C-alpha atoms as a PDB file:
ATOM      1  CA  MET A   1      73.794 104.688 103.572  1.00  0.00           C
ATOM      2  CA  PRO A   2      76.390 103.365 101.127  1.00  0.00           C
ATOM      3  CA  ASP A   3      75.500 101.256  98.073  1.00  0.00           C
ATOM      4  CA  THR A   4      74.804  97.605  98.786  1.00  0.00           C
ATOM      5  CA  GLN A   5      77.242  96.500  96.060  1.00  0.00           C
ATOM      6  CA  ASP A   6      80.201  94.691  97.537  1.00  0.00           C
ATOM      7  CA  LEU A   7      83.117  97.025  97.238  1.00  0.00           C
ATOM      8  CA  SER A   8      84.850  96.080 100.429  1.00  0.00           C
ATOM      9  CA  GLN A   9      88.004  95.245  98.645  1.00  0.00           C
ATOM     10  CA  PHE A  10      88.762  98.912  98.070  1.00  0.00           C
ATOM     11  CA  PHE A  11      90.543 101.101 100.743  1.00  0.00           C
ATOM     12  CA  LEU A  12      91.570 104.712 101.129  1.00  0.00           C
ATOM     13  CA  ARG A  13      95.333 105.030 101.281  1.00  0.00           C
ATOM     14  CA  PHE A  14      95.416 108.556 102.638  1.00  0.00           C
ATOM     15  CA  ALA A  15      98.743 110.495 103.075  1.00  0.00           C
ATOM     16  CA  ILE A  16      97.195 113.142 105.390  1.00  0.00           C
ATOM     17  CA  THR A  17     100.333 115.247 106.002  1.00  0.00           C
ATOM     18  CA  PRO A  18     103.581 115.856 104.066  1.00  0.00           C
ATOM     19  CA  LYS A  19     105.380 116.826 107.280  1.00  0.00           C
ATOM     20  CA  CYS A  20     107.701 114.383 109.155  1.00  0.00           C
ATOM     21  CA  ASN A  21     109.860 114.775 112.227  1.00  0.00           C
ATOM     22  CA  PHE A  22     112.520 112.460 110.764  1.00  0.00           C
ATOM     23  CA  ARG A  23     115.009 113.462 108.091  1.00  0.00           C
ATOM     24  CA  CYS A  24     115.938 110.053 106.693  1.00  0.00           C
ATOM     25  CA  TYR A  25     118.764 110.419 104.121  1.00  0.00           C
ATOM     26  CA  TYR A  26     117.006 108.052 101.654  1.00  0.00           C
ATOM     27  CA  CYS A  27     113.733 109.888 101.874  1.00  0.00           C
ATOM     28  CA  ASN A  28     113.315 113.544 102.417  1.00  0.00           C
ATOM     29  CA  PRO A  29     116.446 114.808 104.314  1.00  0.00           C
ATOM     30  CA  GLU A  30     115.671 118.484 103.689  1.00  0.00           C
ATOM     31  CA  GLY A  31     111.980 118.256 104.729  1.00  0.00           C
ATOM     32  CA  LYS A  32     110.704 119.475 101.360  1.00  0.00           C
ATOM     33  CA  MET A  33     107.078 119.592 100.323  1.00  0.00           C
ATOM     34  CA  GLU A  34     104.676 121.181  97.892  1.00  0.00           C
ATOM     35  CA  ASN A  35     104.189 125.013  98.374  1.00  0.00           C
ATOM     36  CA  ALA A  36     100.479 124.671  99.112  1.00  0.00           C
ATOM     37  CA  GLN A  37      98.308 124.215 102.146  1.00  0.00           C
ATOM     38  CA  PRO A  38      97.714 120.624 103.145  1.00  0.00           C
ATOM     39  CA  LEU A  39      94.117 119.452 103.976  1.00  0.00           C
ATOM     40  CA  ASP A  40      92.885 120.295 107.382  1.00  0.00           C
ATOM     41  CA  ASP A  41      91.109 117.818 109.688  1.00  0.00           C
ATOM     42  CA  GLU A  42      87.619 118.976 108.603  1.00  0.00           C
ATOM     43  CA  SER A  43      88.494 118.394 104.991  1.00  0.00           C
ATOM     44  CA  ILE A  44      90.111 115.022 105.704  1.00  0.00           C
ATOM     45  CA  LEU A  45      86.978 113.829 107.525  1.00  0.00           C
ATOM     46  CA  GLN A  46      84.689 115.045 104.817  1.00  0.00           C
ATOM     47  CA  ILE A  47      86.607 112.921 102.312  1.00  0.00           C
ATOM     48  CA  MET A  48      86.399 109.923 104.640  1.00  0.00           C
ATOM     49  CA  LYS A  49      82.679 110.445 104.843  1.00  0.00           C
ATOM     50  CA  ALA A  50      82.486 110.582 100.958  1.00  0.00           C
ATOM     51  CA  GLY A  51      84.567 107.380 100.706  1.00  0.00           C
ATOM     52  CA  PHE A  52      82.185 105.545 103.075  1.00  0.00           C
ATOM     53  CA  MET A  53      79.141 106.797 101.056  1.00  0.00           C
ATOM     54  CA  ALA A  54      80.848 105.463  98.062  1.00  0.00           C
ATOM     55  CA  GLY A  55      81.143 102.042  99.614  1.00  0.00           C
ATOM     56  CA  VAL A  56      84.674 102.047 101.113  1.00  0.00           C
ATOM     57  CA  ASN A  57      85.040 101.022 104.739  1.00  0.00           C
ATOM     58  CA  ARG A  58      88.760 100.499 105.078  1.00  0.00           C
ATOM     59  CA  ALA A  59      91.342 103.175 105.568  1.00  0.00           C
ATOM     60  CA  HIS A  60      95.301 103.252 105.598  1.00  0.00           C
ATOM     61  CA  TRP A  61      96.650 106.430 107.187  1.00  0.00           C
ATOM     62  CA  THR A  62     100.168 107.439 106.059  1.00  0.00           C
ATOM     63  CA  GLY A  63     102.246 110.633 105.604  1.00  0.00           C
ATOM     64  CA  GLY A  64     104.764 112.153 106.045  1.00  0.00           C
ATOM     65  CA  GLU A  65     104.353 111.163 109.663  1.00  0.00           C
ATOM     66  CA  PRO A  66     100.637 110.855 110.382  1.00  0.00           C
ATOM     67  CA  THR A  67     101.069 111.014 114.141  1.00  0.00           C
ATOM     68  CA  LEU A  68     102.059 114.730 113.840  1.00  0.00           C
ATOM     69  CA  LYS A  69      98.327 115.078 113.332  1.00  0.00           C
ATOM     70  CA  ASP A  70      95.651 114.384 116.026  1.00  0.00           C
ATOM     71  CA  MET A  71      95.241 110.784 115.039  1.00  0.00           C
ATOM     72  CA  GLN A  72      93.244 109.845 118.014  1.00  0.00           C
ATOM     73  CA  LYS A  73      90.523 112.284 116.837  1.00  0.00           C
ATOM     74  CA  LEU A  74      90.752 111.327 113.241  1.00  0.00           C
ATOM     75  CA  ILE A  75      90.677 107.567 113.951  1.00  0.00           C
ATOM     76  CA  SER A  76      87.725 108.096 116.320  1.00  0.00           C
ATOM     77  CA  GLU A  77      85.803 110.078 113.910  1.00  0.00           C
ATOM     78  CA  THR A  78      86.440 107.830 111.022  1.00  0.00           C
ATOM     79  CA  LYS A  79      85.215 104.777 113.151  1.00  0.00           C
ATOM     80  CA  ARG A  80      82.123 106.782 114.002  1.00  0.00           C
ATOM     81  CA  ILE A  81      81.550 107.306 110.279  1.00  0.00           C
ATOM     82  CA  GLY A  82      81.369 103.518 109.831  1.00  0.00           C
ATOM     83  CA  TYR A  83      84.801 102.300 108.867  1.00  0.00           C
ATOM     84  CA  ALA A  84      85.408  98.668 109.841  1.00  0.00           C
ATOM     85  CA  GLU A  85      89.228  98.758 109.506  1.00  0.00           C
ATOM     86  CA  GLN A  86      91.902 101.350 109.998  1.00  0.00           C
ATOM     87  CA  VAL A  87      95.736 100.866 109.614  1.00  0.00           C
ATOM     88  CA  LEU A  88      98.402 103.350 110.128  1.00  0.00           C
ATOM     89  CA  THR A  89     102.069 103.568 108.967  1.00  0.00           C
ATOM     90  CA  THR A  90     104.379 105.456 111.238  1.00  0.00           C
ATOM     91  CA  ASN A  91     108.007 106.048 112.024  1.00  0.00           C
ATOM     92  CA  GLY A  92     107.321 104.974 115.598  1.00  0.00           C
ATOM     93  CA  SER A  93     108.456 108.044 117.359  1.00  0.00           C
ATOM     94  CA  CYS A  94     104.881 108.460 119.001  1.00  0.00           C
ATOM     95  CA  GLY A  95     105.741 105.735 121.584  1.00  0.00           C
ATOM     96  CA  GLY A  96     103.610 102.995 123.173  1.00  0.00           C
ATOM     97  CA  ASP A  97     101.193 105.170 125.081  1.00  0.00           C
ATOM     98  CA  TYR A  98      99.968 106.921 121.956  1.00  0.00           C
ATOM     99  CA  VAL A  99      99.597 103.452 120.235  1.00  0.00           C
ATOM    100  CA  LYS A 100      97.165 102.575 123.065  1.00  0.00           C
ATOM    101  CA  GLU A 101      95.179 105.812 122.539  1.00  0.00           C
ATOM    102  CA  MET A 102      94.912 105.125 118.897  1.00  0.00           C
ATOM    103  CA  ALA A 103      93.814 101.588 119.501  1.00  0.00           C
ATOM    104  CA  ASP A 104      91.152 102.748 121.949  1.00  0.00           C
ATOM    105  CA  ALA A 105      89.942 105.315 119.249  1.00  0.00           C
ATOM    106  CA  GLY A 106      89.519 102.433 116.698  1.00  0.00           C
ATOM    107  CA  LEU A 107      92.911 101.622 115.136  1.00  0.00           C
ATOM    108  CA  ASN A 108      93.285  97.995 114.049  1.00  0.00           C
ATOM    109  CA  ARG A 109      96.874  97.584 112.823  1.00  0.00           C
ATOM    110  CA  LEU A 110     100.189  99.392 112.815  1.00  0.00           C
ATOM    111  CA  ILE A 111     103.149  99.466 110.431  1.00  0.00           C
ATOM    112  CA  ILE A 112     106.421 100.870 111.903  1.00  0.00           C
ATOM    113  CA  SER A 113     109.626 101.803 110.160  1.00  0.00           C
ATOM    114  CA  LEU A 114     112.928 100.673 111.731  1.00  0.00           C
ATOM    115  CA  ASP A 115     116.269 100.153 109.951  1.00  0.00           C
ATOM    116  CA  THR A 116     118.707  99.754 112.793  1.00  0.00           C
ATOM    117  CA  LEU A 117     119.023  98.933 116.443  1.00  0.00           C
ATOM    118  CA  ASP A 118     122.305 100.798 116.840  1.00  0.00           C
ATOM    119  CA  PRO A 119     121.551 104.257 118.442  1.00  0.00           C
ATOM    120  CA  GLY A 120     124.302 106.014 116.630  1.00  0.00           C
ATOM    121  CA  ARG A 121     123.289 104.758 113.200  1.00  0.00           C
ATOM    122  CA  PHE A 122     119.695 105.374 113.937  1.00  0.00           C
ATOM    123  CA  LYS A 123     120.548 109.089 114.602  1.00  0.00           C
ATOM    124  CA  GLN A 124     122.672 109.134 111.512  1.00  0.00           C
ATOM    125  CA  ILE A 125     119.836 107.852 109.362  1.00  0.00           C
ATOM    126  CA  THR A 126     116.932 109.811 110.862  1.00  0.00           C
ATOM    127  CA  LYS A 127     118.679 112.873 112.416  1.00  0.00           C
ATOM    128  CA  ARG A 128     116.653 112.112 115.597  1.00  0.00           C
ATOM    129  CA  ASP A 129     117.395 110.368 118.892  1.00  0.00           C
ATOM    130  CA  CYS A 130     114.339 108.391 119.756  1.00  0.00           C
ATOM    131  CA  LEU A 131     115.222 104.732 119.034  1.00  0.00           C
ATOM    132  CA  GLU A 132     113.770 103.635 122.393  1.00  0.00           C
ATOM    133  CA  ASP A 133     110.429 105.237 121.584  1.00  0.00           C
ATOM    134  CA  VAL A 134     110.274 103.356 118.295  1.00  0.00           C
ATOM    135  CA  ILE A 135     110.984 100.062 119.958  1.00  0.00           C
ATOM    136  CA  ASP A 136     108.400 100.822 122.580  1.00  0.00           C
ATOM    137  CA  THR A 137     105.861 101.502 119.773  1.00  0.00           C
ATOM    138  CA  ILE A 138     106.653  98.095 118.090  1.00  0.00           C
ATOM    139  CA  LYS A 139     106.388  96.149 121.308  1.00  0.00           C
ATOM    140  CA  THR A 140     103.107  97.792 122.262  1.00  0.00           C
ATOM    141  CA  ALA A 141     101.595  97.225 118.986  1.00  0.00           C
ATOM    142  CA  VAL A 142     102.299  93.610 118.968  1.00  0.00           C
ATOM    143  CA  GLU A 143     100.896  93.294 122.556  1.00  0.00           C
ATOM    144  CA  ILE A 144      97.509  94.979 121.856  1.00  0.00           C
ATOM    145  CA  PHE A 145      96.623  94.395 118.185  1.00  0.00           C
ATOM    146  CA  GLU A 146      95.391  91.029 117.002  1.00  0.00           C
ATOM    147  CA  GLU A 147      96.196  91.875 113.525  1.00  0.00           C
ATOM    148  CA  PRO A 148      99.952  91.377 112.653  1.00  0.00           C
ATOM    149  CA  THR A 149     102.208  94.392 113.189  1.00  0.00           C
ATOM    150  CA  LYS A 150     104.778  95.055 110.412  1.00  0.00           C
ATOM    151  CA  MET A 151     108.243  96.341 110.928  1.00  0.00           C
ATOM    152  CA  ASN A 152     109.329  97.977 107.702  1.00  0.00           C
ATOM    153  CA  VAL A 153     113.111  97.848 107.100  1.00  0.00           C
ATOM    154  CA  VAL A 154     114.561  99.829 104.184  1.00  0.00           C
ATOM    155  CA  TYR A 155     117.265  97.477 102.901  1.00  0.00           C
ATOM    156  CA  LEU A 156     120.415  99.184 101.799  1.00  0.00           C
ATOM    157  CA  ASP A 157     123.795  97.749 100.988  1.00  0.00           C
ATOM    158  CA  GLY A 158     125.236  99.731 103.945  1.00  0.00           C
ATOM    159  CA  THR A 159     122.731  98.414 106.498  1.00  0.00           C
ATOM    160  CA  ARG A 160     122.719  94.786 105.480  1.00  0.00           C
ATOM    161  CA  SER A 161     124.766  93.958 108.658  1.00  0.00           C
ATOM    162  CA  GLU A 162     121.706  95.230 110.729  1.00  0.00           C
ATOM    163  CA  LEU A 163     119.553  92.391 109.706  1.00  0.00           C
ATOM    164  CA  PRO A 164     120.590  89.763 112.256  1.00  0.00           C
ATOM    165  CA  GLU A 165     119.777  92.035 115.218  1.00  0.00           C
ATOM    166  CA  LEU A 166     116.489  93.020 113.580  1.00  0.00           C
ATOM    167  CA  ILE A 167     115.401  89.440 113.052  1.00  0.00           C
ATOM    168  CA  LYS A 168     116.475  88.572 116.576  1.00  0.00           C
ATOM    169  CA  LEU A 169     114.355  91.434 117.837  1.00  0.00           C
ATOM    170  CA  GLY A 170     111.457  90.145 116.030  1.00  0.00           C
ATOM    171  CA  GLY A 171     111.867  86.653 117.503  1.00  0.00           C
ATOM    172  CA  VAL A 172     112.201  88.049 121.046  1.00  0.00           C
ATOM    173  CA  ILE A 173     109.132  90.295 120.647  1.00  0.00           C
ATOM    174  CA  ASN A 174     106.989  87.363 119.226  1.00  0.00           C
ATOM    175  CA  ALA A 175     108.046  85.247 122.314  1.00  0.00           C
ATOM    176  CA  ASN A 176     106.156  87.507 124.677  1.00  0.00           C
ATOM    177  CA  PRO A 177     103.246  85.547 126.092  1.00  0.00           C
ATOM    178  CA  LYS A 178     101.232  88.842 126.679  1.00  0.00           C
ATOM    179  CA  ASN A 179     101.093  89.457 122.956  1.00  0.00           C
ATOM    180  CA  LYS A 180      97.656  89.422 121.164  1.00  0.00           C
ATOM    181  CA  GLY A 181      99.362  89.512 117.828  1.00  0.00           C
ATOM    182  CA  THR A 182     102.640  88.900 116.061  1.00  0.00           C
ATOM    183  CA  LEU A 183     105.494  90.902 114.396  1.00  0.00           C
ATOM    184  CA  ILE A 184     106.406  90.529 110.779  1.00  0.00           C
ATOM    185  CA  VAL A 185     109.794  91.899 109.583  1.00  0.00           C
ATOM    186  CA  LYS A 186     109.245  93.378 106.016  1.00  0.00           C
ATOM    187  CA  LEU A 187     112.396  94.310 103.971  1.00  0.00           C
ATOM    188  CA  ILE A 188     111.832  97.127 101.488  1.00  0.00           C
ATOM    189  CA  GLU A 189     113.948  97.524  98.498  1.00  0.00           C
ATOM    190  CA  MET A 190     115.071 101.124  98.058  1.00  0.00           C
ATOM    191  CA  THR A 191     112.981 102.764  95.392  1.00  0.00           C
ATOM    192  CA  GLU A 192     113.455 106.133  93.658  1.00  0.00           C
ATOM    193  CA  MET A 193     110.119 107.588  94.923  1.00  0.00           C
ATOM    194  CA  ASN A 194     111.265 110.204  97.377  1.00  0.00           C
ATOM    195  CA  PRO A 195     112.396 113.823  97.003  1.00  0.00           C
ATOM    196  CA  VAL A 196     116.013 113.055  97.753  1.00  0.00           C
ATOM    197  CA  PHE A 197     116.299 111.323  94.466  1.00  0.00           C
ATOM    198  CA  PHE A 198     115.850 114.673  92.669  1.00  0.00           C
ATOM    199  CA  THR A 199     119.342 115.658  93.880  1.00  0.00           C
ATOM    200  CA  GLU A 200     122.884 114.359  92.883  1.00  0.00           C
ATOM    201  CA  ASN A 201     123.292 112.972  96.316  1.00  0.00           C
ATOM    202  CA  GLY A 202     120.124 110.927  95.995  1.00  0.00           C
ATOM    203  CA  LYS A 203     121.265 109.647  92.552  1.00  0.00           C
ATOM    204  CA  GLN A 204     124.695 108.658  94.094  1.00  0.00           C
ATOM    205  CA  LEU A 205     122.866 106.951  97.038  1.00  0.00           C
ATOM    206  CA  TYR A 206     120.807 104.891  94.819  1.00  0.00           C
ATOM    207  CA  GLU A 207     123.836 103.770  92.711  1.00  0.00           C
ATOM    208  CA  GLN A 208     125.840 102.968  95.761  1.00  0.00           C
ATOM    209  CA  GLN A 209     123.369 101.507  98.274  1.00  0.00           C
ATOM    210  CA  HIS A 210     120.640  99.859  96.174  1.00  0.00           C
ATOM    211  CA  THR A 211     120.364  96.163  96.815  1.00  0.00           C
ATOM    212  CA  GLY A 212     117.879  93.990  94.947  1.00  0.00           C
ATOM    213  CA  ARG A 213     115.722  91.001  95.377  1.00  0.00           C
ATOM    214  CA  GLU A 214     118.264  88.213  94.995  1.00  0.00           C
ATOM    215  CA  VAL A 215     120.658  89.555  97.552  1.00  0.00           C
ATOM    216  CA  MET A 216     117.808  90.260  99.978  1.00  0.00           C
ATOM    217  CA  ARG A 217     116.681  86.639  99.640  1.00  0.00           C
ATOM    218  CA  LYS A 218     120.166  85.134 100.071  1.00  0.00           C
ATOM    219  CA  GLU A 219     120.535  87.243 103.253  1.00  0.00           C
ATOM    220  CA  LEU A 220     117.289  85.891 104.660  1.00  0.00           C
ATOM    221  CA  GLU A 221     118.289  82.281 103.825  1.00  0.00           C
ATOM    222  CA  ARG A 222     121.095  82.606 106.192  1.00  0.00           C
ATOM    223  CA  PHE A 223     118.582  82.536 109.111  1.00  0.00           C
ATOM    224  CA  GLY A 224     116.924  79.346 108.077  1.00  0.00           C
ATOM    225  CA  THR A 225     114.374  77.812 105.751  1.00  0.00           C
ATOM    226  CA  LEU A 226     112.209  80.264 103.892  1.00  0.00           C
ATOM    227  CA  GLU A 227     108.620  78.628 103.860  1.00  0.00           C
ATOM    228  CA  PRO A 228     106.290  80.621 101.520  1.00  0.00           C
ATOM    229  CA  VAL A 229     103.137  81.702 103.347  1.00  0.00           C
ATOM    230  CA  LYS A 230      99.960  83.630 102.422  1.00  0.00           C
ATOM    231  CA  ALA A 231     100.526  87.277 101.671  1.00  0.00           C
ATOM    232  CA  VAL A 232      99.619  89.858 104.380  1.00  0.00           C
ATOM    233  CA  GLY A 233      98.093  92.667 102.306  1.00  0.00           C
ATOM    234  CA  ASN A 234      97.563  92.960  98.601  1.00  0.00           C
ATOM    235  CA  ASN A 235     100.819  94.142  97.051  1.00  0.00           C
ATOM    236  CA  PRO A 236     101.815  91.724  94.264  1.00  0.00           C
ATOM    237  CA  ASN A 237     105.458  92.846  94.644  1.00  0.00           C
ATOM    238  CA  THR A 238     105.658  91.639  98.246  1.00  0.00           C
ATOM    239  CA  HIS A 239     106.309  87.951  99.103  1.00  0.00           C
ATOM    240  CA  TYR A 240     106.118  86.465 102.585  1.00  0.00           C
ATOM    241  CA  PHE A 241     107.957  83.580 104.261  1.00  0.00           C
ATOM    242  CA  TYR A 242     108.034  81.934 107.592  1.00  0.00           C
ATOM    243  CA  ILE A 243     111.484  81.131 109.091  1.00  0.00           C
ATOM    244  CA  PRO A 244     110.869  78.414 111.623  1.00  0.00           C
ATOM    245  CA  GLU A 245     114.469  78.565 112.982  1.00  0.00           C
ATOM    246  CA  ALA A 246     114.027  82.203 113.856  1.00  0.00           C
ATOM    247  CA  GLY A 247     110.355  81.961 114.774  1.00  0.00           C
ATOM    248  CA  ILE A 248     109.319  84.857 112.649  1.00  0.00           C
ATOM    249  CA  LYS A 249     107.502  85.748 109.474  1.00  0.00           C
ATOM    250  CA  VAL A 250     109.329  87.996 106.979  1.00  0.00           C
ATOM    251  CA  GLY A 251     108.322  89.836 103.833  1.00  0.00           C
ATOM    252  CA  MET A 252     110.168  91.177 100.819  1.00  0.00           C
ATOM    253  CA  ILE A 253     108.842  94.092  98.848  1.00  0.00           C
ATOM    254  CA  ASN A 254     110.689  94.534  95.511  1.00  0.00           C
ATOM    255  CA  ILE A 255     109.417  97.093  93.223  1.00  0.00           C
ATOM    256  CA  PRO A 256     112.575  97.961  91.168  1.00  0.00           C
ATOM    257  CA  SER A 257     113.565  94.246  90.971  1.00  0.00           C
ATOM    258  CA  GLN A 258     110.041  93.480  89.665  1.00  0.00           C
ATOM    259  CA  ASP A 259     110.588  96.180  86.963  1.00  0.00           C
ATOM    260  CA  TYR A 260     108.216  98.528  88.883  1.00  0.00           C
ATOM    261  CA  ARG A 261     105.303  96.198  88.106  1.00  0.00           C
ATOM    262  CA  CYS A 262     101.945  97.775  89.032  1.00  0.00           C
ATOM    263  CA  GLY A 263      99.351  95.967  91.100  1.00  0.00           C
ATOM    264  CA  GLY A 264      96.693  95.395  88.495  1.00  0.00           C
ATOM    265  CA  LYS A 265      93.699  93.546  89.952  1.00  0.00           C
ATOM    266  CA  GLY A 266      95.753  92.613  93.014  1.00  0.00           C
ATOM    267  CA  CYS A 267      95.749  96.328  94.036  1.00  0.00           C
ATOM    268  CA  ALA A 268      92.681  97.831  95.828  1.00  0.00           C
ATOM    269  CA  LYS A 269      94.195 101.287  96.691  1.00  0.00           C
ATOM    270  CA  ILE A 270      92.430 104.621  96.256  1.00  0.00           C
ATOM    271  CA  ARG A 271      95.264 107.001  96.801  1.00  0.00           C
ATOM    272  CA  LEU A 272      94.935 110.442  98.364  1.00  0.00           C
ATOM    273  CA  ASN A 273      97.816 112.872  98.763  1.00  0.00           C
ATOM    274  CA  PRO A 274      98.019 115.588 101.472  1.00  0.00           C
ATOM    275  CA  TYR A 275      96.477 118.243  99.165  1.00  0.00           C
ATOM    276  CA  GLY A 276      93.401 116.318  98.103  1.00  0.00           C
ATOM    277  CA  MET A 277      94.568 114.788  94.874  1.00  0.00           C
ATOM    278  CA  ILE A 278      93.044 111.366  94.317  1.00  0.00           C
ATOM    279  CA  ALA A 279      93.555 108.518  91.855  1.00  0.00           C
ATOM    280  CA  VAL A 280      93.094 104.723  91.714  1.00  0.00           C
ATOM    281  CA  CYS A 281      96.589 104.177  90.279  1.00  0.00           C
ATOM    282  CA  VAL A 282      99.852 106.086  90.198  1.00  0.00           C
ATOM    283  CA  ASN A 283      99.677 106.000  86.498  1.00  0.00           C
ATOM    284  CA  GLN A 284      96.374 107.806  86.303  1.00  0.00           C
ATOM    285  CA  LYS A 285      96.169 111.576  86.154  1.00  0.00           C
ATOM    286  CA  PRO A 286      94.981 112.591  89.611  1.00  0.00           C
ATOM    287  CA  ILE A 287      91.764 114.421  90.307  1.00  0.00           C
ATOM    288  CA  ASN A 288      91.606 117.442  92.800  1.00  0.00           C
ATOM    289  CA  ILE A 289      88.628 116.841  95.178  1.00  0.00           C
ATOM    290  CA  ASN A 290      89.801 119.448  97.704  1.00  0.00           C
ATOM    291  CA  GLY A 291      86.923 121.997  97.962  1.00  0.00           C
ATOM    292  CA  MET A 292      84.264 119.747  96.369  1.00  0.00           C
ATOM    293  CA  SER A 293      81.011 119.073  98.136  1.00  0.00           C
ATOM    294  CA  GLU A 294      80.787 115.680  99.847  1.00  0.00           C
ATOM    295  CA  GLU A 295      78.329 114.637  97.267  1.00  0.00           C
ATOM    296  CA  ARG A 296      80.626 115.397  94.334  1.00  0.00           C
ATOM    297  CA  GLN A 297      83.531 113.735  96.201  1.00  0.00           C
ATOM    298  CA  THR A 298      81.424 110.628  96.702  1.00  0.00           C
ATOM    299  CA  GLY A 299      80.699 110.582  92.929  1.00  0.00           C
ATOM    300  CA  VAL A 300      84.492 110.852  92.058  1.00  0.00           C
ATOM    301  CA  ILE A 301      85.319 108.014  94.407  1.00  0.00           C
ATOM    302  CA  LYS A 302      82.621 105.802  92.914  1.00  0.00           C
ATOM    303  CA  GLY A 303      83.922 106.551  89.447  1.00  0.00           C
ATOM    304  CA  LEU A 304      87.474 105.634  90.468  1.00  0.00           C
ATOM    305  CA  MET A 305      86.291 102.333  91.822  1.00  0.00           C
ATOM    306  CA  SER A 306      84.536 101.604  88.495  1.00  0.00           C
ATOM    307  CA  TYR A 307      87.645 102.776  86.634  1.00  0.00           C
ATOM    308  CA  ARG A 308      89.761 100.181  88.213  1.00  0.00           C
ATOM    309  CA  ASP A 309      88.633  97.442  85.689  1.00  0.00           C
ATOM    310  CA  VAL A 310      89.033  99.865  82.794  1.00  0.00           C
ATOM    311  CA  ILE A 311      92.650 100.870  83.593  1.00  0.00           C
ATOM    312  CA  ASP A 312      93.520  97.155  84.043  1.00  0.00           C
ATOM    313  CA  LYS A 313      92.385  96.425  80.483  1.00  0.00           C
ATOM    314  CA  GLU A 314      93.737  99.697  78.953  1.00  0.00           C
ATOM    315  CA  MET A 315      97.127  99.555  80.669  1.00  0.00           C
ATOM    316  CA  PRO A 316      97.752  95.965  81.644  1.00  0.00           C
ATOM    317  CA  HIS A 317     101.532  96.358  81.587  1.00  0.00           C
ATOM    318  CA  ARG A 318     101.818  99.803  83.292  1.00  0.00           C
ATOM    319  CA  LYS A 319     104.574 100.387  85.764  1.00  0.00           C
ATOM    320  CA  HIS A 320     104.673 101.837  89.328  1.00  0.00           C
ATOM    321  CA  LYS A 321     107.422 104.348  88.722  1.00  0.00           C
ATOM    322  CA  GLN A 322     106.572 107.939  88.057  1.00  0.00           C
ATOM    323  CA  GLN A 323     109.371 109.657  86.155  1.00  0.00           C
ATOM    324  CA  GLY A 324     109.945 113.186  87.254  1.00  0.00           C
ATOM    325  CA  ASN A 325     107.247 113.072  90.087  1.00  0.00           C
ATOM    326  CA  PHE A 326     109.075 111.723  92.990  1.00  0.00           C
ATOM    327  CA  GLY A 327     107.186 111.484  96.175  1.00  0.00           C
ATOM    328  CA  TYR A 328     103.945 112.815  94.725  1.00  0.00           C
ATOM    329  CA  TRP A 329     101.563 110.792  96.823  1.00  0.00           C
ATOM    330  CA  ARG A 330     103.364 111.643 100.081  1.00  0.00           C
ATOM    331  CA  PHE A 331     104.712 115.198  99.554  1.00  0.00           C
ATOM    332  CA  GLY A 332     102.769 116.560  96.688  1.00  0.00           C
ATOM    333  CA  ASN A 333     104.061 118.277  93.502  1.00  0.00           C
ATOM    334  CA  CYS A 334     107.852 117.574  93.790  1.00  0.00           C
ATOM    335  CA  GLY A 335     108.469 119.847  90.882  1.00  0.00           C
ATOM    336  CA  ASN A 336     107.396 122.763  93.126  1.00  0.00           C
ATOM    337  CA  LEU A 337     109.276 122.058  96.453  1.00  0.00           C
ATOM    338  CA  GLN A 338     110.162 124.401  99.232  1.00  0.00           C
ATOM    339  CA  ASN A 339     111.601 124.037 102.728  1.00  0.00           C
ATOM    340  CA  LYS A 340     109.068 123.889 105.515  1.00  0.00           C
END
């Protein structure tokens, strides 16, 4: 059994695969990743067991695109281990039927990325043609999950015109009387954290398309009154508002505009990348737990949980940005990339 000490604030944020079936131009358009073998399902589940034995009972599955793995199996096994809450971030291409399967397996909440409702622009951004599947994923998630579903919108200068339709979609979805939950539209400021920003095209993209916090807020104010509400999650760079005129809650995550401020005591993430590297903060040198025994992995995770207070005292003004290590927690060592 895990220790009786109350450590429930911690959760494993586990990027279980670097692979993605989208090729978004602001992320990883060439599908690059570390030249190494990602963790297999058995290794992933061993780490989940170690985390639970260390006192963690919440998980956030990410990628890449995690639904390229057998998420029904991983979620079911993780619930069997004893995890009380599981959240998954997806591009939404899996569709509503798979959402229901994941919910039956034990998933509690979903976060879906969507930047446009225009089919042509969607294909231009993602290089895929599955907009209806993404919308179906969102609608299904709001219908079946009691916890709020978030729709993540990467906010670029060139896609600002998309916002009215996305806000409208959120209001329409929330008006469905069959819903168990609600939809939150969360705007994400473009951040230089992905492999594309290693390239000249990526650098130009950031210079031309980056839009910050003040512009984002002014755009939201066009839809009505921004009434501050309690944060959903624990990211101190995110602020939430309710817009009564639109009947929807919106969020703003602004890491560059907040000078890449790190979470400090407001952050409870234990980060794992697809290759078994683990840390309690992006500023910490990660530890490779791939291949360790479950007992040793448990000890490492316990140590990281204790180290949270230490790093907050030693590096109170640390920043979230990792110079020269773009996308590390999603795609691995971005200094050693190859096409896959």
